[in-house]
N, C-alpha and C. Protein backbone atom coordinates (compact mmCIF):
# COMPACT_ATOMS: atom_id res chain seq x y z
N MET A 1 0.83 -1.18 0.00
CA MET A 1 0.00 0.00 0.00
C MET A 1 0.88 1.24 0.00
N ALA A 2 0.67 2.12 -0.96
CA ALA A 2 1.45 3.34 -1.07
C ALA A 2 0.90 4.40 -0.13
N CYS A 3 1.80 5.17 0.43
CA CYS A 3 1.39 6.27 1.30
C CYS A 3 1.52 7.57 0.51
N LEU A 4 0.50 8.40 0.56
CA LEU A 4 0.50 9.65 -0.17
C LEU A 4 0.49 10.81 0.80
N SER A 5 1.14 11.89 0.39
CA SER A 5 1.09 13.08 1.23
C SER A 5 -0.24 13.79 1.01
N GLN A 6 -0.63 14.60 1.97
CA GLN A 6 -1.82 15.43 1.86
C GLN A 6 -1.41 16.86 2.19
N SER A 7 -2.01 17.80 1.48
CA SER A 7 -1.75 19.19 1.81
C SER A 7 -2.97 20.01 1.40
N SER A 8 -3.09 21.17 2.06
CA SER A 8 -4.19 22.06 1.74
C SER A 8 -3.82 23.46 2.19
N SER A 9 -4.23 24.43 1.40
CA SER A 9 -4.14 25.83 1.82
C SER A 9 -5.54 26.42 1.92
N ASP A 10 -6.55 25.56 1.85
CA ASP A 10 -7.92 25.96 2.06
C ASP A 10 -8.21 25.91 3.57
N ALA A 11 -8.69 27.01 4.11
CA ALA A 11 -8.87 27.13 5.56
C ALA A 11 -9.81 26.06 6.12
N GLU A 12 -10.95 25.87 5.49
CA GLU A 12 -11.92 24.91 6.01
C GLU A 12 -11.42 23.47 5.89
N ASN A 13 -10.77 23.15 4.78
CA ASN A 13 -10.19 21.80 4.64
C ASN A 13 -9.10 21.56 5.68
N THR A 14 -8.29 22.60 5.92
CA THR A 14 -7.25 22.48 6.93
C THR A 14 -7.85 22.18 8.29
N PHE A 15 -8.93 22.87 8.64
CA PHE A 15 -9.60 22.63 9.92
C PHE A 15 -10.14 21.21 9.98
N ARG A 16 -10.69 20.72 8.88
CA ARG A 16 -11.22 19.35 8.84
C ARG A 16 -10.10 18.32 9.01
N TYR A 17 -8.97 18.54 8.33
CA TYR A 17 -7.82 17.64 8.50
C TYR A 17 -7.37 17.64 9.96
N TRP A 18 -7.29 18.82 10.55
CA TRP A 18 -6.81 18.95 11.93
C TRP A 18 -7.73 18.24 12.91
N THR A 19 -9.03 18.41 12.74
CA THR A 19 -9.99 17.81 13.67
C THR A 19 -10.40 16.40 13.27
N LYS A 20 -9.96 15.97 12.09
CA LYS A 20 -10.33 14.64 11.58
C LYS A 20 -11.84 14.47 11.53
N SER A 21 -12.50 15.52 11.05
CA SER A 21 -13.96 15.54 10.97
C SER A 21 -14.37 16.03 9.59
N ASN A 22 -15.48 15.55 9.09
CA ASN A 22 -15.98 16.00 7.79
C ASN A 22 -16.79 17.28 7.87
N SER A 23 -17.16 17.67 9.08
CA SER A 23 -17.99 18.86 9.22
C SER A 23 -17.28 19.91 10.08
N LEU A 24 -17.67 21.15 9.87
CA LEU A 24 -17.14 22.25 10.66
C LEU A 24 -18.10 22.54 11.80
N PRO A 25 -17.56 22.80 13.00
CA PRO A 25 -18.46 23.15 14.10
C PRO A 25 -19.12 24.51 13.85
N LYS A 26 -20.35 24.64 14.29
CA LYS A 26 -21.09 25.90 14.09
C LYS A 26 -20.53 27.02 14.95
N ASP A 27 -19.78 26.68 16.00
CA ASP A 27 -19.25 27.69 16.90
C ASP A 27 -17.81 28.09 16.60
N VAL A 28 -17.37 27.83 15.35
CA VAL A 28 -16.03 28.22 14.91
C VAL A 28 -16.13 28.83 13.52
N LYS A 29 -15.50 29.99 13.34
CA LYS A 29 -15.37 30.61 12.03
C LYS A 29 -13.90 30.50 11.62
N VAL A 30 -13.63 29.69 10.59
CA VAL A 30 -12.26 29.45 10.14
C VAL A 30 -11.86 30.56 9.17
N LEU A 31 -10.69 31.18 9.42
CA LEU A 31 -10.24 32.32 8.63
C LEU A 31 -9.10 31.99 7.68
N ASN A 32 -8.11 31.25 8.12
CA ASN A 32 -6.96 30.86 7.30
C ASN A 32 -6.45 29.51 7.75
N GLY A 33 -5.76 28.81 6.84
CA GLY A 33 -5.19 27.53 7.22
C GLY A 33 -4.23 26.98 6.19
N GLU A 34 -3.28 26.21 6.67
CA GLU A 34 -2.32 25.47 5.85
C GLU A 34 -2.11 24.12 6.52
N TYR A 35 -2.06 23.06 5.72
CA TYR A 35 -1.88 21.72 6.26
C TYR A 35 -0.94 20.95 5.36
N TYR A 36 -0.04 20.20 5.99
CA TYR A 36 0.81 19.27 5.25
C TYR A 36 0.96 18.00 6.06
N GLN A 37 0.71 16.87 5.41
CA GLN A 37 0.93 15.56 6.02
C GLN A 37 1.91 14.80 5.15
N SER A 38 2.95 14.27 5.76
CA SER A 38 3.97 13.55 5.01
C SER A 38 3.43 12.22 4.49
N PRO A 39 4.09 11.64 3.49
CA PRO A 39 3.66 10.34 2.98
C PRO A 39 4.16 9.17 3.84
N HIS A 40 4.81 9.46 4.94
CA HIS A 40 5.33 8.41 5.82
C HIS A 40 4.19 7.58 6.40
N PHE A 41 4.44 6.33 6.67
CA PHE A 41 3.38 5.43 7.16
C PHE A 41 2.90 5.80 8.56
N THR A 42 3.70 6.54 9.32
CA THR A 42 3.21 7.04 10.60
C THR A 42 2.59 8.41 10.36
N LEU A 43 1.74 8.83 11.24
CA LEU A 43 1.07 10.12 11.08
C LEU A 43 2.05 11.24 11.42
N GLU A 44 2.47 12.00 10.41
CA GLU A 44 3.36 13.15 10.57
C GLU A 44 2.72 14.32 9.85
N TYR A 45 2.50 15.41 10.57
CA TYR A 45 1.85 16.55 9.93
C TYR A 45 2.24 17.86 10.59
N LYS A 46 1.94 18.96 9.87
CA LYS A 46 2.02 20.32 10.39
C LYS A 46 0.73 21.02 10.00
N VAL A 47 0.16 21.77 10.93
CA VAL A 47 -1.05 22.52 10.65
C VAL A 47 -0.89 23.93 11.20
N PHE A 48 -1.36 24.89 10.43
CA PHE A 48 -1.38 26.30 10.81
C PHE A 48 -2.81 26.78 10.61
N LEU A 49 -3.41 27.34 11.63
CA LEU A 49 -4.80 27.79 11.54
C LEU A 49 -4.98 29.16 12.18
N LYS A 50 -5.95 29.89 11.64
CA LYS A 50 -6.44 31.13 12.25
C LYS A 50 -7.95 31.02 12.22
N PHE A 51 -8.59 31.20 13.40
CA PHE A 51 -10.04 31.05 13.46
C PHE A 51 -10.60 31.80 14.65
N LYS A 52 -11.92 31.96 14.66
CA LYS A 52 -12.64 32.60 15.75
C LYS A 52 -13.65 31.62 16.32
N PRO A 53 -13.34 31.04 17.48
CA PRO A 53 -14.30 30.13 18.11
C PRO A 53 -15.12 30.88 19.16
N THR A 54 -16.15 30.25 19.63
CA THR A 54 -16.83 30.78 20.80
C THR A 54 -15.93 30.54 22.01
N LYS A 55 -16.18 31.28 23.08
CA LYS A 55 -15.38 31.08 24.30
C LYS A 55 -15.57 29.66 24.84
N GLU A 56 -16.79 29.16 24.74
CA GLU A 56 -17.05 27.82 25.23
C GLU A 56 -16.23 26.77 24.47
N TRP A 57 -16.17 26.92 23.15
CA TRP A 57 -15.39 25.98 22.34
C TRP A 57 -13.94 26.02 22.77
N TRP A 58 -13.39 27.24 22.92
CA TRP A 58 -11.97 27.39 23.26
C TRP A 58 -11.67 26.78 24.64
N TYR A 59 -12.49 27.08 25.63
CA TYR A 59 -12.24 26.55 26.97
C TYR A 59 -12.34 25.03 26.99
N THR A 60 -13.26 24.47 26.24
CA THR A 60 -13.37 23.01 26.13
C THR A 60 -12.13 22.43 25.47
N PHE A 61 -11.65 23.09 24.42
CA PHE A 61 -10.44 22.64 23.72
C PHE A 61 -9.23 22.63 24.66
N ILE A 62 -9.06 23.70 25.42
CA ILE A 62 -7.94 23.80 26.36
C ILE A 62 -8.02 22.67 27.40
N ARG A 63 -9.20 22.48 27.93
CA ARG A 63 -9.38 21.46 28.97
C ARG A 63 -9.17 20.04 28.40
N GLN A 64 -9.78 19.74 27.27
CA GLN A 64 -9.69 18.39 26.71
C GLN A 64 -8.26 18.02 26.29
N ASN A 65 -7.47 19.02 25.94
CA ASN A 65 -6.11 18.76 25.48
C ASN A 65 -5.06 19.00 26.56
N ASN A 66 -5.52 19.29 27.77
CA ASN A 66 -4.61 19.50 28.91
C ASN A 66 -3.52 20.52 28.60
N LEU A 67 -3.92 21.64 28.00
CA LEU A 67 -2.97 22.68 27.66
C LEU A 67 -2.73 23.60 28.85
N VAL A 68 -1.52 24.14 28.92
CA VAL A 68 -1.14 25.05 29.99
C VAL A 68 -0.68 26.36 29.38
N GLU A 69 -0.93 27.45 30.10
CA GLU A 69 -0.47 28.75 29.64
C GLU A 69 1.04 28.85 29.85
N ILE A 70 1.74 29.36 28.84
CA ILE A 70 3.19 29.55 28.97
C ILE A 70 3.52 31.00 28.64
N LYS A 71 4.68 31.43 29.04
CA LYS A 71 5.14 32.79 28.75
C LYS A 71 5.75 32.83 27.36
N ALA A 72 5.56 33.92 26.66
CA ALA A 72 6.09 34.07 25.31
C ALA A 72 7.60 33.92 25.28
N SER A 73 8.30 34.37 26.31
CA SER A 73 9.75 34.25 26.33
C SER A 73 10.21 32.80 26.33
N GLU A 74 9.35 31.90 26.78
CA GLU A 74 9.67 30.47 26.78
C GLU A 74 9.35 29.85 25.42
N ASP A 75 8.88 30.64 24.50
CA ASP A 75 8.23 30.10 23.31
C ASP A 75 8.78 30.69 22.02
N ASP A 76 10.05 31.00 21.94
CA ASP A 76 10.58 31.68 20.76
C ASP A 76 10.90 30.76 19.60
N ASP A 77 11.23 29.51 19.82
CA ASP A 77 11.71 28.66 18.74
C ASP A 77 10.64 28.25 17.73
N TRP A 78 9.37 28.34 18.04
CA TRP A 78 8.32 27.96 17.09
C TRP A 78 8.23 28.94 15.92
N LEU A 79 8.71 30.19 16.11
CA LEU A 79 8.59 31.22 15.08
C LEU A 79 9.22 30.82 13.75
N SER A 80 10.33 30.11 13.78
CA SER A 80 11.01 29.74 12.54
C SER A 80 10.16 28.84 11.65
N PHE A 81 9.18 28.17 12.23
CA PHE A 81 8.35 27.26 11.46
C PHE A 81 7.15 27.96 10.81
N THR A 82 6.92 29.22 11.13
CA THR A 82 5.76 29.94 10.62
C THR A 82 6.14 31.15 9.77
N SER A 83 7.40 31.35 9.52
CA SER A 83 7.86 32.57 8.85
C SER A 83 7.35 32.74 7.43
N ASP A 84 6.97 31.67 6.75
CA ASP A 84 6.49 31.77 5.37
C ASP A 84 5.01 32.15 5.25
N LEU A 85 4.31 32.21 6.36
CA LEU A 85 2.88 32.51 6.34
C LEU A 85 2.64 33.95 6.79
N GLY A 86 2.31 34.83 5.87
CA GLY A 86 2.08 36.22 6.20
C GLY A 86 0.90 36.45 7.13
N TRP A 87 -0.09 35.60 7.08
CA TRP A 87 -1.29 35.75 7.91
C TRP A 87 -1.14 35.18 9.31
N PHE A 88 -0.10 34.39 9.55
CA PHE A 88 0.09 33.78 10.86
C PHE A 88 0.95 34.71 11.71
N ASN A 89 0.27 35.59 12.47
CA ASN A 89 1.02 36.62 13.19
C ASN A 89 0.47 36.93 14.58
N PRO A 90 0.43 35.93 15.47
CA PRO A 90 0.04 36.26 16.84
C PRO A 90 1.07 37.21 17.45
N ASN A 91 0.59 38.19 18.19
CA ASN A 91 1.50 39.20 18.77
C ASN A 91 1.43 39.15 20.29
N HIS A 92 1.92 40.19 20.93
CA HIS A 92 1.98 40.23 22.40
C HIS A 92 0.60 40.26 23.06
N ASN A 93 -0.46 40.50 22.31
CA ASN A 93 -1.81 40.49 22.87
C ASN A 93 -2.36 39.07 23.04
N PHE A 94 -1.65 38.10 22.52
CA PHE A 94 -2.12 36.72 22.56
C PHE A 94 -1.60 35.99 23.79
N THR A 95 -2.47 35.19 24.36
CA THR A 95 -2.08 34.26 25.42
C THR A 95 -1.64 32.98 24.72
N VAL A 96 -0.52 32.42 25.17
CA VAL A 96 0.06 31.25 24.52
C VAL A 96 -0.16 30.02 25.39
N TYR A 97 -0.60 28.94 24.75
CA TYR A 97 -0.79 27.66 25.42
C TYR A 97 0.05 26.60 24.73
N ALA A 98 0.39 25.58 25.50
CA ALA A 98 1.15 24.44 24.96
C ALA A 98 0.83 23.22 25.82
N ASN A 99 1.27 22.06 25.35
CA ASN A 99 1.16 20.86 26.16
C ASN A 99 2.05 21.01 27.38
N ALA A 100 1.71 20.32 28.44
CA ALA A 100 2.47 20.45 29.69
C ALA A 100 3.95 20.13 29.50
N ASP A 101 4.28 19.24 28.58
CA ASP A 101 5.68 18.91 28.30
C ASP A 101 6.18 19.66 27.07
N TYR A 102 5.87 20.95 27.01
CA TYR A 102 6.12 21.74 25.80
C TYR A 102 7.59 21.86 25.41
N GLU A 103 8.52 21.60 26.32
CA GLU A 103 9.92 21.68 25.92
C GLU A 103 10.26 20.60 24.89
N TRP A 104 9.41 19.57 24.79
CA TRP A 104 9.62 18.50 23.81
C TRP A 104 8.61 18.57 22.67
N ASP A 105 7.70 19.50 22.74
CA ASP A 105 6.63 19.61 21.75
C ASP A 105 6.58 21.04 21.24
N ARG A 106 6.73 21.24 19.94
CA ARG A 106 6.74 22.60 19.36
C ARG A 106 5.34 23.15 19.14
N SER A 107 4.30 22.37 19.27
CA SER A 107 2.94 22.84 19.01
C SER A 107 2.58 23.98 19.96
N ARG A 108 1.90 25.01 19.41
CA ARG A 108 1.50 26.17 20.20
C ARG A 108 0.08 26.58 19.81
N TYR A 109 -0.64 27.11 20.79
CA TYR A 109 -2.04 27.51 20.62
C TYR A 109 -2.17 28.91 21.20
N PHE A 110 -2.72 29.83 20.42
CA PHE A 110 -2.75 31.25 20.79
C PHE A 110 -4.18 31.76 20.79
N ILE A 111 -4.48 32.68 21.71
CA ILE A 111 -5.78 33.34 21.68
C ILE A 111 -5.61 34.78 22.12
N ASP A 112 -6.28 35.66 21.40
CA ASP A 112 -6.44 37.05 21.82
C ASP A 112 -7.84 37.10 22.43
N TYR A 113 -7.91 37.13 23.75
CA TYR A 113 -9.20 37.05 24.43
C TYR A 113 -10.09 38.26 24.14
N LYS A 114 -9.50 39.41 23.84
CA LYS A 114 -10.31 40.59 23.54
C LYS A 114 -10.98 40.49 22.17
N LYS A 115 -10.23 40.00 21.18
CA LYS A 115 -10.77 39.90 19.81
C LYS A 115 -11.37 38.54 19.51
N GLY A 116 -11.05 37.53 20.32
CA GLY A 116 -11.59 36.19 20.10
C GLY A 116 -10.92 35.44 18.96
N VAL A 117 -9.75 35.88 18.53
CA VAL A 117 -9.04 35.25 17.42
C VAL A 117 -8.03 34.25 17.98
N CYS A 118 -7.97 33.09 17.35
CA CYS A 118 -7.04 32.03 17.76
C CYS A 118 -6.12 31.66 16.60
N TYR A 119 -4.93 31.25 16.96
CA TYR A 119 -3.99 30.65 16.01
C TYR A 119 -3.57 29.31 16.57
N VAL A 120 -3.34 28.38 15.67
CA VAL A 120 -2.82 27.07 16.04
C VAL A 120 -1.61 26.78 15.17
N TYR A 121 -0.52 26.43 15.80
CA TYR A 121 0.62 25.82 15.12
C TYR A 121 0.79 24.46 15.78
N GLU A 122 0.49 23.41 15.05
CA GLU A 122 0.60 22.07 15.62
C GLU A 122 1.41 21.20 14.69
N THR A 123 2.29 20.45 15.28
CA THR A 123 3.13 19.54 14.51
C THR A 123 3.18 18.20 15.23
N LEU A 124 3.24 17.15 14.45
CA LEU A 124 3.35 15.81 15.01
C LEU A 124 4.36 15.05 14.18
N GLY A 125 5.42 14.59 14.82
CA GLY A 125 6.39 13.73 14.17
C GLY A 125 7.27 14.38 13.12
N MET A 126 7.21 15.68 12.98
CA MET A 126 8.03 16.35 11.96
C MET A 126 9.04 17.25 12.61
């Protein structure tokens, strides 16, 4: 069985790949996205998203994924992986979340609580 790579620069398709769902939740407005999955037999991917969820959706996401708030100064190395995306630009107004063992995981989750805008940079196995 051959393994094929998958990629998308369509925001809604990217969200579907990320959530592994065929439908979009009604409480999320997807704004931008990029997705790449390697052809390797193990699941290896990178996803970049910008979206506006409801507060309830965001809080549920944080809780279900056991994410912790981290300081931006602890989080500088992820920037090199997003430099090619002009729309991916969380700034100092964003609260940054990561997995509890974030020193081994480059994935980052951002929210501007005032504007309700979120960014996701998630990587697995790459």
